[in-house]
């Protein structure tokens, strides 16, 4: 299968020579999952890391009322994983589930470790990827604590308009925004009147 998308992703974050990228991605294998399939289940240890080439994935937890609360919505292209579980061998606290039919590339822990130890550019890429993910997580934490639901909705609409185009169910978007689906419907209705 053609690795141009995963190779391009490595180039997009960090300038890495093509032969080095090809060496990094040599151990990645493709696979597909249908919509609503669990990629990584709660309380399991992640032994692989996944590059999402096409599609949408969400991570979620169950709250004390046994309701699903969406913690993240992943949009291709990106890496999807519980990195703490992957690197520390700890059970995951979230479920990772496909929202659409998805195409992935995967590699295992030993391959990632070999790349860390043998490829300087991979270490730099990974460091940058972790910083970017930390920034996104911290930014989301600040948004949830400081912004009204309507502001969070408008920001999401601005940054990721494609998830609203009949791809991600509104119930999941509402959960991700920290509101009920009826609240999201009200916000959408009020904004459409403006």
N, C-alpha and C. Protein backbone atom coordinates (compact mmCIF):
# COMPACT_ATOMS: atom_id res chain seq x y z
N UNK A 1 0.83 -1.19 0.00
CA UNK A 1 0.00 0.00 0.00
C UNK A 1 0.87 1.25 0.00
N UNK A 2 0.35 2.31 -0.55
CA UNK A 2 1.08 3.57 -0.70
C UNK A 2 1.24 4.29 0.64
N UNK A 3 2.47 4.60 1.00
CA UNK A 3 2.74 5.26 2.28
C UNK A 3 2.91 6.76 2.13
N UNK A 4 2.46 7.33 1.02
CA UNK A 4 2.70 8.76 0.80
C UNK A 4 2.04 9.64 1.85
N UNK A 5 0.86 9.26 2.35
CA UNK A 5 0.17 10.09 3.36
C UNK A 5 0.89 10.09 4.70
N UNK A 6 1.31 8.93 5.15
CA UNK A 6 2.02 8.88 6.43
C UNK A 6 3.39 9.56 6.29
N UNK A 7 4.05 9.35 5.16
CA UNK A 7 5.34 10.00 4.94
C UNK A 7 5.19 11.52 4.90
N UNK A 8 4.13 12.00 4.24
CA UNK A 8 3.87 13.44 4.17
C UNK A 8 3.61 14.02 5.54
N UNK A 9 2.96 13.25 6.41
CA UNK A 9 2.68 13.73 7.76
C UNK A 9 3.99 13.98 8.52
N UNK A 10 4.93 13.06 8.39
CA UNK A 10 6.22 13.26 9.05
C UNK A 10 6.90 14.53 8.52
N UNK A 11 6.84 14.74 7.22
CA UNK A 11 7.43 15.95 6.61
C UNK A 11 6.72 17.22 7.07
N UNK A 12 5.42 17.13 7.33
CA UNK A 12 4.64 18.34 7.64
C UNK A 12 5.01 18.94 9.00
N UNK A 13 5.49 18.12 9.92
CA UNK A 13 5.81 18.61 11.26
C UNK A 13 7.29 18.94 11.45
N UNK A 14 8.11 18.25 10.69
CA UNK A 14 9.54 18.39 10.93
C UNK A 14 10.28 18.06 9.63
N UNK A 15 11.27 18.86 9.24
CA UNK A 15 11.98 18.58 7.98
C UNK A 15 12.88 17.35 8.10
N UNK A 16 12.42 16.25 7.53
CA UNK A 16 13.16 14.99 7.59
C UNK A 16 13.42 14.54 6.15
N UNK A 17 14.64 14.17 5.82
CA UNK A 17 14.92 13.68 4.47
C UNK A 17 14.07 12.46 4.13
N UNK A 18 13.66 12.36 2.89
CA UNK A 18 12.78 11.27 2.44
C UNK A 18 13.32 9.88 2.78
N UNK A 19 14.60 9.60 2.55
CA UNK A 19 15.10 8.24 2.90
C UNK A 19 14.95 7.93 4.40
N UNK A 20 15.08 8.95 5.24
CA UNK A 20 14.94 8.74 6.69
C UNK A 20 13.48 8.46 7.03
N UNK A 21 12.57 9.22 6.41
CA UNK A 21 11.13 8.97 6.63
C UNK A 21 10.77 7.56 6.20
N UNK A 22 11.29 7.14 5.06
CA UNK A 22 10.99 5.79 4.57
C UNK A 22 11.52 4.72 5.54
N UNK A 23 12.64 5.01 6.16
CA UNK A 23 13.18 4.09 7.18
C UNK A 23 12.27 4.05 8.41
N UNK A 24 11.79 5.22 8.83
CA UNK A 24 10.89 5.30 9.99
C UNK A 24 9.61 4.53 9.74
N UNK A 25 9.03 4.70 8.56
CA UNK A 25 7.71 4.10 8.28
C UNK A 25 7.80 2.69 7.70
N UNK A 26 9.01 2.17 7.56
CA UNK A 26 9.18 0.83 6.96
C UNK A 26 8.42 -0.25 7.72
N UNK A 27 8.30 -0.10 9.04
CA UNK A 27 7.65 -1.15 9.85
C UNK A 27 6.14 -0.92 10.02
N UNK A 28 5.61 0.19 9.50
CA UNK A 28 4.18 0.46 9.63
C UNK A 28 3.39 -0.40 8.65
N UNK A 29 2.33 -1.02 9.13
CA UNK A 29 1.47 -1.88 8.31
C UNK A 29 0.07 -1.29 8.25
N UNK A 30 -0.60 -1.39 7.09
CA UNK A 30 -1.94 -0.81 6.95
C UNK A 30 -3.03 -1.74 7.46
N UNK A 31 -4.13 -1.15 7.90
CA UNK A 31 -5.35 -1.91 8.20
C UNK A 31 -6.53 -0.96 8.19
N UNK A 32 -7.71 -1.51 8.09
CA UNK A 32 -8.93 -0.70 8.09
C UNK A 32 -9.87 -1.18 9.17
N UNK A 33 -10.70 -0.28 9.65
CA UNK A 33 -11.76 -0.62 10.60
C UNK A 33 -13.05 0.03 10.14
N UNK A 34 -14.14 -0.67 10.35
CA UNK A 34 -15.45 -0.12 10.01
C UNK A 34 -15.90 0.87 11.08
N UNK A 35 -16.86 1.68 10.72
CA UNK A 35 -17.47 2.65 11.64
C UNK A 35 -17.94 1.96 12.92
N UNK A 36 -17.78 2.66 14.05
CA UNK A 36 -18.23 2.18 15.38
C UNK A 36 -17.48 0.94 15.87
N UNK A 37 -16.22 0.82 15.49
CA UNK A 37 -15.38 -0.29 15.95
C UNK A 37 -14.41 0.23 17.00
N UNK A 38 -14.20 -0.55 18.05
CA UNK A 38 -13.26 -0.16 19.09
C UNK A 38 -11.84 -0.45 18.60
N UNK A 39 -11.03 0.59 18.59
CA UNK A 39 -9.62 0.49 18.22
C UNK A 39 -8.79 0.07 19.44
N UNK A 40 -9.08 0.71 20.57
CA UNK A 40 -8.35 0.46 21.81
C UNK A 40 -9.36 0.54 22.95
N UNK A 41 -9.49 -0.52 23.71
CA UNK A 41 -10.52 -0.58 24.75
C UNK A 41 -9.97 -0.15 26.11
N UNK A 42 -10.89 0.30 26.95
CA UNK A 42 -10.55 0.70 28.32
C UNK A 42 -9.95 -0.50 29.07
N UNK A 43 -9.01 -0.19 29.95
CA UNK A 43 -8.36 -1.18 30.80
C UNK A 43 -7.48 -2.18 30.04
N UNK A 44 -7.11 -1.85 28.80
CA UNK A 44 -6.16 -2.67 28.08
C UNK A 44 -4.84 -1.90 27.98
N UNK A 45 -3.78 -2.60 27.69
CA UNK A 45 -2.48 -1.95 27.51
C UNK A 45 -2.21 -1.81 26.02
N UNK A 46 -1.93 -0.59 25.62
CA UNK A 46 -1.67 -0.31 24.21
C UNK A 46 -0.29 -0.85 23.82
N UNK A 47 -0.27 -1.77 22.87
CA UNK A 47 1.00 -2.35 22.42
C UNK A 47 1.41 -1.84 21.05
N UNK A 48 0.54 -1.06 20.42
CA UNK A 48 0.82 -0.52 19.09
C UNK A 48 0.49 0.96 19.08
N UNK A 49 1.07 1.66 18.12
CA UNK A 49 0.69 3.04 17.90
C UNK A 49 0.09 3.13 16.51
N UNK A 50 -0.89 4.02 16.37
CA UNK A 50 -1.70 4.07 15.16
C UNK A 50 -1.63 5.44 14.49
N UNK A 51 -1.42 5.41 13.18
CA UNK A 51 -1.53 6.62 12.38
C UNK A 51 -2.84 6.55 11.63
N UNK A 52 -3.72 7.53 11.89
CA UNK A 52 -5.03 7.59 11.23
C UNK A 52 -4.85 8.29 9.89
N UNK A 53 -4.99 7.53 8.81
CA UNK A 53 -4.79 8.08 7.47
C UNK A 53 -6.08 8.68 6.91
N UNK A 54 -7.20 8.01 7.15
CA UNK A 54 -8.50 8.49 6.69
C UNK A 54 -9.54 8.19 7.75
N UNK A 55 -10.43 9.17 7.99
CA UNK A 55 -11.54 8.93 8.88
C UNK A 55 -11.48 9.74 10.17
N UNK A 56 -12.38 9.38 11.08
CA UNK A 56 -12.53 10.07 12.36
C UNK A 56 -12.63 9.04 13.48
N UNK A 57 -11.96 9.35 14.59
CA UNK A 57 -11.95 8.48 15.77
C UNK A 57 -12.26 9.36 16.97
N UNK A 58 -12.93 8.80 17.94
CA UNK A 58 -13.10 9.54 19.20
C UNK A 58 -12.55 8.71 20.34
N UNK A 59 -12.19 9.40 21.42
CA UNK A 59 -11.89 8.73 22.68
C UNK A 59 -12.97 9.16 23.66
N UNK A 60 -13.36 8.25 24.54
CA UNK A 60 -14.38 8.60 25.53
C UNK A 60 -14.19 7.80 26.81
N UNK A 61 -14.80 8.32 27.87
CA UNK A 61 -14.84 7.64 29.16
C UNK A 61 -16.30 7.45 29.54
N UNK A 62 -16.53 6.65 30.55
CA UNK A 62 -17.87 6.53 31.13
C UNK A 62 -17.84 7.26 32.47
N UNK A 63 -18.79 8.18 32.65
CA UNK A 63 -18.84 8.92 33.92
C UNK A 63 -19.53 8.07 35.00
N UNK A 64 -19.75 8.65 36.17
CA UNK A 64 -20.34 7.90 37.29
C UNK A 64 -21.77 7.45 37.01
N UNK A 65 -22.44 8.12 36.08
CA UNK A 65 -23.80 7.73 35.69
C UNK A 65 -23.79 6.76 34.51
N UNK A 66 -22.60 6.26 34.17
CA UNK A 66 -22.42 5.32 33.06
C UNK A 66 -22.78 5.93 31.71
N UNK A 67 -22.59 7.24 31.59
CA UNK A 67 -22.82 7.95 30.33
C UNK A 67 -21.48 8.18 29.64
N UNK A 68 -21.49 8.07 28.32
CA UNK A 68 -20.27 8.30 27.55
C UNK A 68 -19.95 9.79 27.50
N UNK A 69 -18.72 10.14 27.80
CA UNK A 69 -18.24 11.52 27.71
C UNK A 69 -17.06 11.52 26.75
N UNK A 70 -17.23 12.19 25.62
CA UNK A 70 -16.18 12.24 24.60
C UNK A 70 -15.05 13.15 25.06
N UNK A 71 -13.84 12.61 25.08
CA UNK A 71 -12.68 13.38 25.53
C UNK A 71 -11.88 13.96 24.37
N UNK A 72 -11.98 13.34 23.20
CA UNK A 72 -11.26 13.86 22.04
C UNK A 72 -11.89 13.35 20.76
N UNK A 73 -11.76 14.15 19.70
CA UNK A 73 -12.18 13.75 18.36
C UNK A 73 -10.94 13.88 17.47
N UNK A 74 -10.50 12.76 16.92
CA UNK A 74 -9.30 12.72 16.09
C UNK A 74 -9.71 12.77 14.62
N UNK A 75 -9.05 13.65 13.90
CA UNK A 75 -9.32 13.84 12.49
C UNK A 75 -8.06 13.51 11.70
N UNK A 76 -8.19 12.67 10.69
CA UNK A 76 -7.02 12.31 9.86
C UNK A 76 -6.47 13.54 9.15
N UNK A 77 -5.16 13.61 8.97
CA UNK A 77 -4.13 12.67 9.40
C UNK A 77 -3.59 13.01 10.78
N UNK A 78 -3.42 12.00 11.60
CA UNK A 78 -2.84 12.21 12.94
C UNK A 78 -2.53 10.86 13.57
N UNK A 79 -1.73 10.90 14.64
CA UNK A 79 -1.51 9.69 15.43
C UNK A 79 -2.59 9.60 16.49
N UNK A 80 -3.07 8.38 16.72
CA UNK A 80 -4.11 8.11 17.71
C UNK A 80 -3.59 7.04 18.65
N UNK A 81 -3.54 7.37 19.93
CA UNK A 81 -3.09 6.38 20.89
C UNK A 81 -3.22 6.93 22.29
N UNK A 82 -3.20 6.03 23.26
CA UNK A 82 -3.02 6.40 24.65
C UNK A 82 -1.53 6.25 24.90
N UNK A 83 -0.81 7.37 24.75
CA UNK A 83 0.65 7.29 24.79
C UNK A 83 1.18 6.89 26.15
N UNK A 84 0.47 7.24 27.22
CA UNK A 84 0.90 6.82 28.56
C UNK A 84 0.83 5.30 28.66
N UNK A 85 -0.24 4.73 28.17
CA UNK A 85 -0.38 3.27 28.17
C UNK A 85 0.70 2.63 27.30
N UNK A 86 0.94 3.21 26.13
CA UNK A 86 1.90 2.66 25.18
C UNK A 86 3.32 2.67 25.73
N UNK A 87 3.73 3.79 26.32
CA UNK A 87 5.11 3.90 26.80
C UNK A 87 5.32 3.39 28.22
N UNK A 88 4.30 3.50 29.07
CA UNK A 88 4.45 3.10 30.48
C UNK A 88 3.82 1.74 30.78
N UNK A 89 3.18 1.14 29.79
CA UNK A 89 2.53 -0.16 29.96
C UNK A 89 1.47 -0.14 31.06
N UNK A 90 0.70 0.95 31.07
CA UNK A 90 -0.41 1.09 32.02
C UNK A 90 -1.73 0.88 31.29
N UNK A 91 -2.75 0.34 31.97
CA UNK A 91 -4.06 0.18 31.32
C UNK A 91 -4.65 1.53 30.91
N UNK A 92 -5.31 1.53 29.78
CA UNK A 92 -5.95 2.75 29.30
C UNK A 92 -7.16 3.10 30.17
N UNK A 93 -7.48 4.39 30.23
CA UNK A 93 -8.65 4.85 30.97
C UNK A 93 -9.79 5.21 30.02
N UNK A 94 -9.49 5.23 28.72
CA UNK A 94 -10.48 5.64 27.73
C UNK A 94 -10.72 4.52 26.72
N UNK A 95 -11.81 4.66 25.99
CA UNK A 95 -12.10 3.80 24.85
C UNK A 95 -11.84 4.63 23.60
N UNK A 96 -11.19 4.04 22.60
CA UNK A 96 -10.94 4.70 21.32
C UNK A 96 -11.79 3.98 20.28
N UNK A 97 -12.68 4.71 19.64
CA UNK A 97 -13.68 4.11 18.76
C UNK A 97 -13.76 4.87 17.44
N UNK A 98 -13.88 4.15 16.33
CA UNK A 98 -14.02 4.80 15.03
C UNK A 98 -15.40 5.43 14.91
N UNK A 99 -15.45 6.62 14.33
CA UNK A 99 -16.72 7.30 14.07
C UNK A 99 -17.15 7.13 12.62
N UNK A 100 -16.20 6.77 11.78
CA UNK A 100 -16.43 6.50 10.36
C UNK A 100 -15.62 5.27 10.00
N UNK A 101 -15.77 4.77 8.79
CA UNK A 101 -14.82 3.77 8.30
C UNK A 101 -13.46 4.44 8.28
N UNK A 102 -12.43 3.74 8.75
CA UNK A 102 -11.11 4.36 8.90
C UNK A 102 -10.01 3.50 8.29
N UNK A 103 -8.97 4.18 7.81
CA UNK A 103 -7.75 3.54 7.34
C UNK A 103 -6.62 3.95 8.28
N UNK A 104 -5.86 2.97 8.74
CA UNK A 104 -4.77 3.20 9.69
C UNK A 104 -3.47 2.59 9.17
N UNK A 105 -2.38 3.06 9.78
CA UNK A 105 -1.09 2.39 9.73
C UNK A 105 -0.70 2.12 11.18
N UNK A 106 -0.12 0.96 11.46
CA UNK A 106 0.26 0.64 12.83
C UNK A 106 1.69 0.10 12.88
N UNK A 107 2.32 0.34 14.03
CA UNK A 107 3.60 -0.29 14.32
C UNK A 107 3.65 -0.57 15.82
N UNK A 108 4.56 -1.43 16.23
CA UNK A 108 4.58 -1.84 17.62
C UNK A 108 5.62 -1.08 18.44
N UNK A 109 5.62 -1.35 19.73
CA UNK A 109 6.48 -0.65 20.68
C UNK A 109 7.97 -0.85 20.36
N UNK A 110 8.36 -2.08 20.03
CA UNK A 110 9.77 -2.35 19.75
C UNK A 110 10.26 -1.55 18.55
N UNK A 111 9.43 -1.42 17.52
CA UNK A 111 9.81 -0.64 16.35
C UNK A 111 9.96 0.84 16.69
N UNK A 112 9.04 1.36 17.50
CA UNK A 112 9.12 2.77 17.91
C UNK A 112 10.39 2.99 18.73
N UNK A 113 10.68 2.08 19.66
CA UNK A 113 11.89 2.20 20.47
C UNK A 113 13.15 2.15 19.61
N UNK A 114 13.16 1.27 18.63
CA UNK A 114 14.32 1.18 17.73
C UNK A 114 14.51 2.50 16.98
N UNK A 115 13.41 3.10 16.54
CA UNK A 115 13.50 4.40 15.86
C UNK A 115 14.02 5.47 16.80
N UNK A 116 13.56 5.46 18.04
CA UNK A 116 14.04 6.44 19.04
C UNK A 116 15.56 6.32 19.22
N UNK A 117 16.04 5.10 19.31
CA UNK A 117 17.45 4.87 19.60
C UNK A 117 18.37 5.07 18.40
N UNK A 118 17.82 4.89 17.20
CA UNK A 118 18.68 4.87 16.01
C UNK A 118 18.50 6.04 15.04
N UNK A 119 17.41 6.80 15.18
CA UNK A 119 17.13 7.85 14.20
C UNK A 119 16.91 9.18 14.93
N UNK A 120 17.89 10.05 14.84
CA UNK A 120 17.84 11.35 15.53
C UNK A 120 16.62 12.14 15.11
N UNK A 121 16.31 12.15 13.83
CA UNK A 121 15.16 12.92 13.32
C UNK A 121 13.84 12.41 13.91
N UNK A 122 13.76 11.11 14.17
CA UNK A 122 12.54 10.56 14.77
C UNK A 122 12.38 11.07 16.19
N UNK A 123 13.48 11.16 16.94
CA UNK A 123 13.42 11.70 18.30
C UNK A 123 12.92 13.14 18.27
N UNK A 124 13.44 13.94 17.34
CA UNK A 124 13.03 15.35 17.24
C UNK A 124 11.57 15.45 16.83
N UNK A 125 11.16 14.63 15.86
CA UNK A 125 9.76 14.61 15.43
C UNK A 125 8.86 14.25 16.60
N UNK A 126 9.21 13.23 17.34
CA UNK A 126 8.39 12.76 18.46
C UNK A 126 8.29 13.81 19.56
N UNK A 127 9.41 14.48 19.83
CA UNK A 127 9.40 15.54 20.84
C UNK A 127 8.42 16.65 20.41
N UNK A 128 8.48 17.03 19.14
CA UNK A 128 7.59 18.07 18.62
C UNK A 128 6.13 17.60 18.68
N UNK A 129 5.89 16.34 18.32
CA UNK A 129 4.53 15.79 18.36
C UNK A 129 3.97 15.82 19.78
N UNK A 130 4.79 15.46 20.77
CA UNK A 130 4.33 15.48 22.16
C UNK A 130 4.03 16.91 22.62
N UNK A 131 4.87 17.87 22.21
CA UNK A 131 4.63 19.27 22.57
C UNK A 131 3.33 19.76 21.95
N UNK A 132 3.10 19.42 20.68
CA UNK A 132 1.86 19.83 20.00
C UNK A 132 0.64 19.23 20.71
N UNK A 133 0.73 17.94 21.04
CA UNK A 133 -0.40 17.29 21.72
C UNK A 133 -0.63 17.86 23.11
N UNK A 134 0.45 18.18 23.81
CA UNK A 134 0.31 18.82 25.13
C UNK A 134 -0.36 20.17 24.98
N UNK A 135 0.06 20.95 23.99
CA UNK A 135 -0.53 22.27 23.76
C UNK A 135 -2.03 22.15 23.49
N UNK A 136 -2.42 21.19 22.64
CA UNK A 136 -3.84 21.00 22.31
C UNK A 136 -4.64 20.62 23.56
N UNK A 137 -4.08 19.72 24.36
CA UNK A 137 -4.75 19.27 25.58
C UNK A 137 -4.89 20.42 26.58
N UNK A 138 -3.83 21.18 26.76
CA UNK A 138 -3.85 22.31 27.69
C UNK A 138 -4.82 23.39 27.20
N UNK A 139 -4.81 23.64 25.91
CA UNK A 139 -5.71 24.64 25.32
C UNK A 139 -7.17 24.22 25.54
N UNK A 140 -7.44 22.94 25.37
CA UNK A 140 -8.81 22.44 25.58
C UNK A 140 -9.22 22.58 27.05
N UNK A 141 -8.31 22.27 27.95
CA UNK A 141 -8.57 22.41 29.38
C UNK A 141 -8.92 23.86 29.73
N UNK A 142 -8.16 24.79 29.19
CA UNK A 142 -8.41 26.22 29.44
C UNK A 142 -9.75 26.64 28.84
N UNK A 143 -10.03 26.18 27.62
CA UNK A 143 -11.33 26.49 26.98
C UNK A 143 -12.49 25.99 27.83
N UNK A 144 -12.40 24.75 28.30
CA UNK A 144 -13.50 24.17 29.08
C UNK A 144 -13.72 24.93 30.38
N UNK A 145 -12.64 25.45 30.96
CA UNK A 145 -12.74 26.16 32.24
C UNK A 145 -13.12 27.63 32.08
N UNK A 146 -12.82 28.23 30.93
CA UNK A 146 -12.97 29.68 30.82
C UNK A 146 -14.04 30.17 29.85
N UNK A 147 -14.52 29.29 28.96
CA UNK A 147 -15.44 29.76 27.93
C UNK A 147 -16.84 29.19 28.11
N UNK A 148 -17.80 29.99 27.67
CA UNK A 148 -19.19 29.52 27.65
C UNK A 148 -19.34 28.47 26.56
N UNK A 149 -20.38 27.67 26.69
CA UNK A 149 -20.64 26.61 25.72
C UNK A 149 -20.77 27.16 24.30
N UNK A 150 -21.43 28.28 24.14
CA UNK A 150 -21.61 28.87 22.81
C UNK A 150 -20.26 29.23 22.19
N UNK A 151 -19.35 29.78 22.99
CA UNK A 151 -18.01 30.14 22.50
C UNK A 151 -17.24 28.90 22.10
N UNK A 152 -17.33 27.84 22.91
CA UNK A 152 -16.63 26.59 22.59
C UNK A 152 -17.18 26.00 21.29
N UNK A 153 -18.49 26.08 21.11
CA UNK A 153 -19.12 25.58 19.89
C UNK A 153 -18.62 26.37 18.67
N UNK A 154 -18.62 27.69 18.76
CA UNK A 154 -18.18 28.53 17.64
C UNK A 154 -16.71 28.29 17.31
N UNK A 155 -15.88 28.10 18.34
CA UNK A 155 -14.46 27.79 18.11
C UNK A 155 -14.29 26.47 17.38
N UNK A 156 -15.03 25.45 17.81
CA UNK A 156 -14.95 24.14 17.17
C UNK A 156 -15.43 24.22 15.73
N UNK A 157 -16.49 24.96 15.51
CA UNK A 157 -17.04 25.16 14.16
C UNK A 157 -16.02 25.84 13.26
N UNK A 158 -15.27 26.77 13.83
CA UNK A 158 -14.25 27.51 13.06
C UNK A 158 -13.03 26.63 12.77
N UNK A 159 -12.57 25.90 13.76
CA UNK A 159 -11.34 25.12 13.62
C UNK A 159 -11.56 23.79 12.90
N UNK A 160 -12.70 23.13 13.16
CA UNK A 160 -12.96 21.82 12.55
C UNK A 160 -14.37 21.77 11.94
N UNK A 161 -14.66 22.61 10.96
CA UNK A 161 -16.02 22.65 10.40
C UNK A 161 -16.45 21.32 9.78
N UNK A 162 -15.49 20.54 9.29
CA UNK A 162 -15.78 19.28 8.62
C UNK A 162 -16.46 18.26 9.52
N UNK A 163 -16.23 18.32 10.84
CA UNK A 163 -16.85 17.30 11.70
C UNK A 163 -18.36 17.51 11.81
N UNK A 164 -18.83 18.71 11.45
CA UNK A 164 -20.26 18.99 11.51
C UNK A 164 -20.98 18.59 10.22
N UNK A 165 -20.25 18.26 9.19
CA UNK A 165 -20.85 17.95 7.90
C UNK A 165 -21.30 16.49 7.83
N UNK A 166 -22.20 16.13 8.72
CA UNK A 166 -22.81 14.80 8.77
C UNK A 166 -21.79 13.68 8.98
N UNK A 167 -20.66 14.02 9.58
CA UNK A 167 -19.63 13.01 9.84
C UNK A 167 -19.71 12.53 11.28
N UNK A 168 -19.68 13.48 12.21
CA UNK A 168 -19.70 13.15 13.63
C UNK A 168 -21.10 13.44 14.17
N UNK A 169 -21.74 12.48 14.82
CA UNK A 169 -23.08 12.72 15.37
C UNK A 169 -23.08 13.90 16.36
N UNK A 170 -24.14 14.70 16.32
CA UNK A 170 -24.23 15.87 17.19
C UNK A 170 -24.17 15.50 18.67
N UNK A 171 -24.67 14.32 19.01
CA UNK A 171 -24.62 13.87 20.41
C UNK A 171 -23.17 13.76 20.89
N UNK A 172 -22.28 13.28 20.02
CA UNK A 172 -20.87 13.15 20.36
C UNK A 172 -20.20 14.51 20.42
N UNK A 173 -20.55 15.40 19.49
CA UNK A 173 -20.01 16.77 19.51
C UNK A 173 -20.44 17.47 20.79
N UNK A 174 -21.69 17.32 21.18
CA UNK A 174 -22.19 17.93 22.41
C UNK A 174 -21.40 17.42 23.62
N UNK A 175 -21.19 16.11 23.67
CA UNK A 175 -20.43 15.51 24.76
C UNK A 175 -19.02 16.07 24.80
N UNK A 176 -18.40 16.21 23.64
CA UNK A 176 -17.04 16.76 23.55
C UNK A 176 -17.01 18.21 24.05
N UNK A 177 -18.07 18.96 23.80
CA UNK A 177 -18.16 20.35 24.24
C UNK A 177 -18.56 20.46 25.72
N UNK A 178 -18.92 19.34 26.34
CA UNK A 178 -19.29 19.35 27.75
C UNK A 178 -20.71 19.82 28.00
N UNK A 179 -21.59 19.61 27.01
CA UNK A 179 -23.00 20.03 27.12
C UNK A 179 -23.90 18.89 26.67
N UNK A 180 -25.20 19.05 26.92
CA UNK A 180 -26.16 18.05 26.47
C UNK A 180 -26.48 18.29 25.00
N UNK A 181 -27.02 17.27 24.34
CA UNK A 181 -27.38 17.48 22.93
C UNK A 181 -28.52 18.48 22.77
N UNK A 182 -29.41 18.57 23.78
CA UNK A 182 -30.48 19.57 23.69
C UNK A 182 -29.90 20.98 23.81
N UNK A 183 -28.87 21.16 24.64
CA UNK A 183 -28.21 22.46 24.74
C UNK A 183 -27.52 22.82 23.43
N UNK A 184 -26.90 21.84 22.80
CA UNK A 184 -26.26 22.09 21.51
C UNK A 184 -27.29 22.48 20.46
N UNK A 185 -28.42 21.80 20.45
CA UNK A 185 -29.49 22.15 19.50
C UNK A 185 -29.96 23.58 19.71
N UNK A 186 -30.12 23.97 20.99
CA UNK A 186 -30.55 25.34 21.29
C UNK A 186 -29.51 26.35 20.81
N UNK A 187 -28.25 26.09 21.08
CA UNK A 187 -27.17 27.00 20.65
C UNK A 187 -27.16 27.13 19.14
N UNK A 188 -27.28 26.01 18.45
CA UNK A 188 -27.27 26.04 16.98
C UNK A 188 -28.45 26.82 16.43
N UNK A 189 -29.61 26.66 17.08
CA UNK A 189 -30.81 27.36 16.65
C UNK A 189 -30.66 28.88 16.86
N UNK A 190 -30.13 29.25 18.03
CA UNK A 190 -29.93 30.67 18.32
C UNK A 190 -28.94 31.33 17.36
N UNK A 191 -27.87 30.61 17.05
CA UNK A 191 -26.85 31.14 16.13
C UNK A 191 -27.39 31.28 14.72
N UNK A 192 -28.23 30.33 14.31
CA UNK A 192 -28.80 30.40 12.95
C UNK A 192 -29.74 31.59 12.77
N UNK A 193 -30.29 32.11 13.87
CA UNK A 193 -31.18 33.28 13.79
C UNK A 193 -30.41 34.58 13.66
N UNK A 194 -29.13 34.56 13.98
CA UNK A 194 -28.33 35.79 13.94
C UNK A 194 -28.05 36.25 12.52
